[in-house]
Amino acid sequence: MITEKTVTIETETGEKLDVTLCLEGKRLGTCLRINGLPHHFERMQADDIVENYKLDTDPDYFPCNDELGFCYVLVPFSQ
């Protein structure tokens, strides 16, 4: 089982940020602060997102994913 993974986040202008994800429960993730507000950044199975979350109103939505079926989500913490 993977307990740590480093991913690169890249903006449209080419700025890059390497982020280390650590095992948090059953998922790899970390906390990113955006303008001081904490956000979950997690690696998840694309199938899990489609089955358990509503991210898009398109009924045929299926997230882009890597060769192992994983993708990444960034969501704010609850208030």
Protein backbone atom coordinates (compact mmCIF):
# COMPACT_ATOMS: atom_id res chain seq x y z
CA MET A 1 0.00 0.00 0.00
CA ILE A 2 1.26 3.50 -0.83
CA THR A 3 1.67 5.64 2.31
CA GLU A 4 3.08 8.73 0.58
CA LYS A 5 3.05 10.20 -2.94
CA THR A 6 4.32 13.46 -4.41
CA VAL A 7 2.28 15.11 -7.16
CA THR A 8 2.92 18.24 -9.21
CA ILE A 9 0.22 20.88 -9.54
CA GLU A 10 0.69 23.17 -12.54
CA THR A 11 -1.18 26.36 -13.38
CA GLU A 12 -2.16 27.45 -16.88
CA THR A 13 0.78 29.91 -16.80
CA GLY A 14 3.29 27.14 -16.03
CA GLU A 15 3.82 27.72 -12.32
CA LYS A 16 4.46 24.41 -10.55
CA LEU A 17 4.07 23.24 -6.98
CA ASP A 18 5.16 19.81 -5.74
CA VAL A 19 2.82 18.54 -3.01
CA THR A 20 3.37 15.48 -0.83
CA LEU A 21 0.25 13.46 -0.05
CA CYS A 22 0.16 11.20 3.02
CA LEU A 23 -2.17 8.37 3.92
CA GLU A 24 -5.23 9.78 5.71
CA GLY A 25 -7.61 6.95 6.52
CA LYS A 26 -8.13 5.14 3.22
CA ARG A 27 -6.96 7.97 0.94
CA LEU A 28 -3.82 9.92 0.16
CA GLY A 29 -4.27 13.61 0.87
CA THR A 30 -3.11 16.78 2.51
CA CYS A 31 -4.36 20.19 3.58
CA LEU A 32 -3.74 23.10 1.23
CA ARG A 33 -4.42 26.66 2.34
CA ILE A 34 -5.80 28.97 -0.33
CA ASN A 35 -5.85 32.60 0.76
CA GLY A 36 -5.63 31.30 4.33
CA LEU A 37 -8.61 28.91 4.05
CA PRO A 38 -7.96 25.17 4.52
CA HIS A 39 -8.87 22.79 1.69
CA HIS A 40 -8.76 19.00 1.38
CA PHE A 41 -6.61 17.85 -1.55
CA GLU A 42 -7.13 14.13 -2.08
CA ARG A 43 -6.31 11.36 -4.53
CA MET A 44 -9.47 9.34 -5.14
CA GLN A 45 -10.76 6.59 -7.40
CA ALA A 46 -12.80 8.13 -10.23
CA ASP A 47 -15.48 5.45 -9.72
CA ASP A 48 -15.81 6.49 -6.05
CA ILE A 49 -16.40 10.10 -7.06
CA VAL A 50 -19.14 9.17 -9.54
CA GLU A 51 -20.86 6.76 -7.14
CA ASN A 52 -20.69 8.83 -3.94
CA TYR A 53 -20.42 12.53 -4.85
CA LYS A 54 -22.17 15.04 -7.10
CA LEU A 55 -19.51 17.20 -8.76
CA ASP A 56 -21.17 18.09 -12.05
CA THR A 57 -24.72 18.48 -13.34
CA ASP A 58 -23.87 16.63 -16.56
CA PRO A 59 -25.54 13.19 -16.21
CA ASP A 60 -22.72 11.64 -18.27
CA TYR A 61 -19.95 13.23 -16.19
CA PHE A 62 -16.95 10.99 -15.51
CA PRO A 63 -13.75 12.62 -14.24
CA CYS A 64 -10.45 12.46 -16.11
CA ASN A 65 -8.22 9.92 -14.40
CA ASP A 66 -4.81 8.28 -14.63
CA GLU A 67 -4.00 4.76 -15.87
CA LEU A 68 -4.88 3.35 -12.43
CA GLY A 69 -8.29 5.07 -12.32
CA PHE A 70 -7.33 7.83 -9.85
CA CYS A 71 -7.98 11.56 -9.99
CA TYR A 72 -7.64 14.46 -7.56
CA VAL A 73 -10.19 16.63 -5.80
CA LEU A 74 -9.74 19.95 -4.03
CA VAL A 75 -12.57 21.00 -1.72
CA PRO A 76 -12.85 23.44 1.19
CA PHE A 77 -13.09 22.22 4.76
CA SER A 78 -16.49 22.46 6.42
CA GLN A 79 -17.15 25.60 8.46
